[in-house]
Amino acid sequence: MALTSLLVPEAVLSDLKPNGKKQLLHELSLRAAEISGRPERIIFDQLLQRERLGSTGIGQGVAIPHAAIPDLPHLFGLFARLGRPVDFESVDGQPVDLVFVLLAPESAGADHLQALSRVARFFRSPAQVQMLRQADDPAALFAILTSESSPRAA
């Protein structure tokens, strides 16, 4: 599964400067609501509920918050590069500056897990992560995220 099937250009943000994890999730929920048509409050609540189970900060400054959303018609991704890293209670204790939100229909099941795996694989590539950190604007970030040269192997 390519990230192109999860992202639209409007779902890529750069230089966000939230004051913390909760504010970041709120800002991302607002943008996700605008694009997906689902209520911001539902998205925010579901993301917070997932974070209460354990941080989705996977390390190396990356977080992949994800949640199942009622009545969402298809898998949906949103990416943000932060201008100011935030504490995300990541497994390695490092603050997060790259965030990929994955929202899935409640009935997505295996498709949700497959998409989550695909996103995690992408962020395991130090070269991809470095390019995202060096990109100047949302269009450049989108191009990196949807590049066909993105790693595909597990």
C-alpha atoms as a PDB file:
ATOM      1  CA  MET A   1       0.000   0.000   0.000  1.00  0.00           C
ATOM      2  CA  ALA A   2       1.494   3.312  -1.092  1.00  0.00           C
ATOM      3  CA  LEU A   3       1.183   6.427   1.012  1.00  0.00           C
ATOM      4  CA  THR A   4      -0.380   8.035  -2.063  1.00  0.00           C
ATOM      5  CA  SER A   5      -3.563   6.106  -1.259  1.00  0.00           C
ATOM      6  CA  LEU A   6      -3.676   7.719   2.212  1.00  0.00           C
ATOM      7  CA  LEU A   7      -2.683  11.334   1.573  1.00  0.00           C
ATOM      8  CA  VAL A   8      -3.933  14.327  -0.346  1.00  0.00           C
ATOM      9  CA  PRO A   9      -1.799  17.476  -0.686  1.00  0.00           C
ATOM     10  CA  GLU A  10      -4.091  19.414   1.687  1.00  0.00           C
ATOM     11  CA  ALA A  11      -3.336  16.831   4.407  1.00  0.00           C
ATOM     12  CA  VAL A  12       0.349  17.779   4.612  1.00  0.00           C
ATOM     13  CA  LEU A  13       1.331  20.522   7.037  1.00  0.00           C
ATOM     14  CA  SER A  14       4.665  22.114   7.820  1.00  0.00           C
ATOM     15  CA  ASP A  15       6.056  24.254  10.586  1.00  0.00           C
ATOM     16  CA  LEU A  16       3.345  23.641  13.207  1.00  0.00           C
ATOM     17  CA  LYS A  17       4.383  24.950  16.616  1.00  0.00           C
ATOM     18  CA  PRO A  18       2.072  23.405  19.202  1.00  0.00           C
ATOM     19  CA  ASN A  19       2.772  23.804  22.917  1.00  0.00           C
ATOM     20  CA  GLY A  20       2.305  20.113  23.642  1.00  0.00           C
ATOM     21  CA  LYS A  21       0.942  16.757  22.597  1.00  0.00           C
ATOM     22  CA  LYS A  22      -2.708  17.540  23.342  1.00  0.00           C
ATOM     23  CA  GLN A  23      -2.631  20.838  21.444  1.00  0.00           C
ATOM     24  CA  LEU A  24      -0.917  19.092  18.529  1.00  0.00           C
ATOM     25  CA  LEU A  25      -3.580  16.383  18.386  1.00  0.00           C
ATOM     26  CA  HIS A  26      -6.259  19.068  18.522  1.00  0.00           C
ATOM     27  CA  GLU A  27      -4.724  21.032  15.616  1.00  0.00           C
ATOM     28  CA  LEU A  28      -4.350  17.856  13.570  1.00  0.00           C
ATOM     29  CA  SER A  29      -7.935  16.835  14.369  1.00  0.00           C
ATOM     30  CA  LEU A  30      -9.192  20.196  13.112  1.00  0.00           C
ATOM     31  CA  ARG A  31      -7.401  19.760   9.777  1.00  0.00           C
ATOM     32  CA  ALA A  32      -8.460  16.119   9.494  1.00  0.00           C
ATOM     33  CA  ALA A  33     -12.086  17.171  10.085  1.00  0.00           C
ATOM     34  CA  GLU A  34     -11.891  19.799   7.342  1.00  0.00           C
ATOM     35  CA  ILE A  35     -10.599  17.272   4.835  1.00  0.00           C
ATOM     36  CA  SER A  36     -12.468  14.126   5.874  1.00  0.00           C
ATOM     37  CA  GLY A  37     -15.827  15.687   6.701  1.00  0.00           C
ATOM     38  CA  ARG A  38     -15.966  13.918  10.067  1.00  0.00           C
ATOM     39  CA  PRO A  39     -16.499  15.945  13.274  1.00  0.00           C
ATOM     40  CA  GLU A  40     -13.311  17.288  14.833  1.00  0.00           C
ATOM     41  CA  ARG A  41     -14.455  16.301  18.319  1.00  0.00           C
ATOM     42  CA  ILE A  42     -14.852  12.642  17.360  1.00  0.00           C
ATOM     43  CA  ILE A  43     -11.427  12.542  15.710  1.00  0.00           C
ATOM     44  CA  PHE A  44      -9.767  14.287  18.660  1.00  0.00           C
ATOM     45  CA  ASP A  45     -11.499  12.072  21.236  1.00  0.00           C
ATOM     46  CA  GLN A  46     -10.562   8.877  19.393  1.00  0.00           C
ATOM     47  CA  LEU A  47      -6.921   9.946  19.028  1.00  0.00           C
ATOM     48  CA  LEU A  48      -6.731  10.877  22.727  1.00  0.00           C
ATOM     49  CA  GLN A  49      -8.342   7.588  23.717  1.00  0.00           C
ATOM     50  CA  ARG A  50      -5.711   5.702  21.693  1.00  0.00           C
ATOM     51  CA  GLU A  51      -2.890   7.708  23.284  1.00  0.00           C
ATOM     52  CA  ARG A  52      -4.168   6.756  26.744  1.00  0.00           C
ATOM     53  CA  LEU A  53      -3.452   3.119  25.860  1.00  0.00           C
ATOM     54  CA  GLY A  54       0.191   4.027  25.222  1.00  0.00           C
ATOM     55  CA  SER A  55       2.116   6.581  23.256  1.00  0.00           C
ATOM     56  CA  THR A  56       2.167   6.263  19.489  1.00  0.00           C
ATOM     57  CA  GLY A  57       5.601   7.916  19.507  1.00  0.00           C
ATOM     58  CA  ILE A  58       7.689   5.220  17.797  1.00  0.00           C
ATOM     59  CA  GLY A  59      11.063   6.849  18.407  1.00  0.00           C
ATOM     60  CA  GLN A  60      13.583   8.868  16.397  1.00  0.00           C
ATOM     61  CA  GLY A  61      11.299  11.925  16.633  1.00  0.00           C
ATOM     62  CA  VAL A  62       8.365  10.208  14.875  1.00  0.00           C
ATOM     63  CA  ALA A  63       4.802   9.577  16.048  1.00  0.00           C
ATOM     64  CA  ILE A  64       1.981   7.728  14.283  1.00  0.00           C
ATOM     65  CA  PRO A  65      -1.249   8.553  16.128  1.00  0.00           C
ATOM     66  CA  HIS A  66      -4.076   6.410  14.778  1.00  0.00           C
ATOM     67  CA  ALA A  67      -7.706   5.663  15.468  1.00  0.00           C
ATOM     68  CA  ALA A  68     -10.865   4.102  14.088  1.00  0.00           C
ATOM     69  CA  ILE A  69     -13.485   6.742  13.264  1.00  0.00           C
ATOM     70  CA  PRO A  70     -17.214   6.012  12.940  1.00  0.00           C
ATOM     71  CA  ASP A  71     -18.646   6.504   9.437  1.00  0.00           C
ATOM     72  CA  LEU A  72     -15.287   7.343   7.868  1.00  0.00           C
ATOM     73  CA  PRO A  73     -15.604   6.149   4.252  1.00  0.00           C
ATOM     74  CA  HIS A  74     -11.946   5.144   3.720  1.00  0.00           C
ATOM     75  CA  LEU A  75      -8.468   5.171   5.253  1.00  0.00           C
ATOM     76  CA  PHE A  76      -7.153   8.685   5.634  1.00  0.00           C
ATOM     77  CA  GLY A  77      -3.726  10.096   6.471  1.00  0.00           C
ATOM     78  CA  LEU A  78      -2.472  13.467   7.604  1.00  0.00           C
ATOM     79  CA  PHE A  79       1.193  14.440   7.992  1.00  0.00           C
ATOM     80  CA  ALA A  80       2.758  17.306   9.938  1.00  0.00           C
ATOM     81  CA  ARG A  81       6.330  18.430  10.327  1.00  0.00           C
ATOM     82  CA  LEU A  82       6.663  20.469  13.483  1.00  0.00           C
ATOM     83  CA  GLY A  83       8.639  23.672  13.726  1.00  0.00           C
ATOM     84  CA  ARG A  84       8.984  23.012  17.451  1.00  0.00           C
ATOM     85  CA  PRO A  85       9.246  19.391  18.667  1.00  0.00           C
ATOM     86  CA  VAL A  86       6.881  18.263  21.428  1.00  0.00           C
ATOM     87  CA  ASP A  87       7.131  15.665  24.154  1.00  0.00           C
ATOM     88  CA  PHE A  88       5.060  12.718  22.926  1.00  0.00           C
ATOM     89  CA  GLU A  89       6.100  10.262  25.646  1.00  0.00           C
ATOM     90  CA  SER A  90       7.872   8.283  22.916  1.00  0.00           C
ATOM     91  CA  VAL A  91       9.489   4.922  23.552  1.00  0.00           C
ATOM     92  CA  ASP A  92      12.972   6.474  23.293  1.00  0.00           C
ATOM     93  CA  GLY A  93      12.111   9.627  25.267  1.00  0.00           C
ATOM     94  CA  GLN A  94      12.952  11.918  22.318  1.00  0.00           C
ATOM     95  CA  PRO A  95      10.579  14.760  21.404  1.00  0.00           C
ATOM     96  CA  VAL A  96       8.580  14.359  18.203  1.00  0.00           C
ATOM     97  CA  ASP A  97       8.835  16.593  15.138  1.00  0.00           C
ATOM     98  CA  LEU A  98       7.306  14.296  12.475  1.00  0.00           C
ATOM     99  CA  VAL A  99       3.713  13.120  12.906  1.00  0.00           C
ATOM    100  CA  PHE A 100       1.626  10.927  10.616  1.00  0.00           C
ATOM    101  CA  VAL A 101      -2.013  10.600  11.701  1.00  0.00           C
ATOM    102  CA  LEU A 102      -3.808   7.531  10.362  1.00  0.00           C
ATOM    103  CA  LEU A 103      -7.593   7.397  10.559  1.00  0.00           C
ATOM    104  CA  ALA A 104      -9.528   4.312   9.545  1.00  0.00           C
ATOM    105  CA  PRO A 105     -13.157   3.278   9.229  1.00  0.00           C
ATOM    106  CA  GLU A 106     -14.296   1.188  12.189  1.00  0.00           C
ATOM    107  CA  SER A 107     -14.729  -1.756   9.828  1.00  0.00           C
ATOM    108  CA  ALA A 108     -11.236  -1.457   8.258  1.00  0.00           C
ATOM    109  CA  GLY A 109      -9.706  -4.286  10.335  1.00  0.00           C
ATOM    110  CA  ALA A 110      -6.736  -5.722   8.448  1.00  0.00           C
ATOM    111  CA  ASP A 111      -6.587  -2.739   6.079  1.00  0.00           C
ATOM    112  CA  HIS A 112      -5.984  -0.457   9.079  1.00  0.00           C
ATOM    113  CA  LEU A 113      -3.135  -2.674  10.282  1.00  0.00           C
ATOM    114  CA  GLN A 114      -1.656  -2.925   6.794  1.00  0.00           C
ATOM    115  CA  ALA A 115      -1.724   0.865   6.405  1.00  0.00           C
ATOM    116  CA  LEU A 116      -0.183   1.342   9.852  1.00  0.00           C
ATOM    117  CA  SER A 117       2.582  -1.085   8.929  1.00  0.00           C
ATOM    118  CA  ARG A 118       3.206   0.751   5.651  1.00  0.00           C
ATOM    119  CA  VAL A 119       3.511   4.108   7.423  1.00  0.00           C
ATOM    120  CA  ALA A 120       5.846   2.653  10.068  1.00  0.00           C
ATOM    121  CA  ARG A 121       8.040   1.105   7.332  1.00  0.00           C
ATOM    122  CA  PHE A 122       8.308   4.461   5.592  1.00  0.00           C
ATOM    123  CA  PHE A 123       9.550   6.139   8.778  1.00  0.00           C
ATOM    124  CA  ARG A 124      12.135   3.423   9.454  1.00  0.00           C
ATOM    125  CA  SER A 125      14.167   4.817   6.563  1.00  0.00           C
ATOM    126  CA  PRO A 126      16.704   7.333   7.926  1.00  0.00           C
ATOM    127  CA  ALA A 127      17.048   8.830   4.436  1.00  0.00           C
ATOM    128  CA  GLN A 128      13.288   9.461   4.124  1.00  0.00           C
ATOM    129  CA  VAL A 129      13.122  10.959   7.612  1.00  0.00           C
ATOM    130  CA  GLN A 130      16.090  13.244   6.926  1.00  0.00           C
ATOM    131  CA  MET A 131      14.531  14.457   3.658  1.00  0.00           C
ATOM    132  CA  LEU A 132      11.275  15.270   5.503  1.00  0.00           C
ATOM    133  CA  ARG A 133      13.183  17.261   8.096  1.00  0.00           C
ATOM    134  CA  GLN A 134      14.977  19.238   5.397  1.00  0.00           C
ATOM    135  CA  ALA A 135      11.974  19.969   3.139  1.00  0.00           C
ATOM    136  CA  ASP A 136      10.826  23.574   2.974  1.00  0.00           C
ATOM    137  CA  ASP A 137       7.097  23.436   2.326  1.00  0.00           C
ATOM    138  CA  PRO A 138       4.011  21.183   2.230  1.00  0.00           C
ATOM    139  CA  ALA A 139       4.387  20.476  -1.506  1.00  0.00           C
ATOM    140  CA  ALA A 140       7.933  19.194  -1.013  1.00  0.00           C
ATOM    141  CA  LEU A 141       6.832  17.115   1.975  1.00  0.00           C
ATOM    142  CA  PHE A 142       3.966  15.621  -0.047  1.00  0.00           C
ATOM    143  CA  ALA A 143       6.366  14.733  -2.871  1.00  0.00           C
ATOM    144  CA  ILE A 144       8.699  12.919  -0.459  1.00  0.00           C
ATOM    145  CA  LEU A 145       5.849  11.067   1.253  1.00  0.00           C
ATOM    146  CA  THR A 146       4.335   9.886  -2.026  1.00  0.00           C
ATOM    147  CA  SER A 147       7.553   9.207  -3.948  1.00  0.00           C
ATOM    148  CA  GLU A 148       7.645   5.858  -5.705  1.00  0.00           C
ATOM    149  CA  SER A 149      11.183   5.422  -4.423  1.00  0.00           C
ATOM    150  CA  SER A 150       9.838   5.119  -0.876  1.00  0.00           C
ATOM    151  CA  PRO A 151      10.964   1.856   0.711  1.00  0.00           C
ATOM    152  CA  ARG A 152       8.515  -1.026   0.305  1.00  0.00           C
ATOM    153  CA  ALA A 153      10.252  -3.926   2.005  1.00  0.00           C
ATOM    154  CA  ALA A 154       9.489  -4.864   5.583  1.00  0.00           C
END
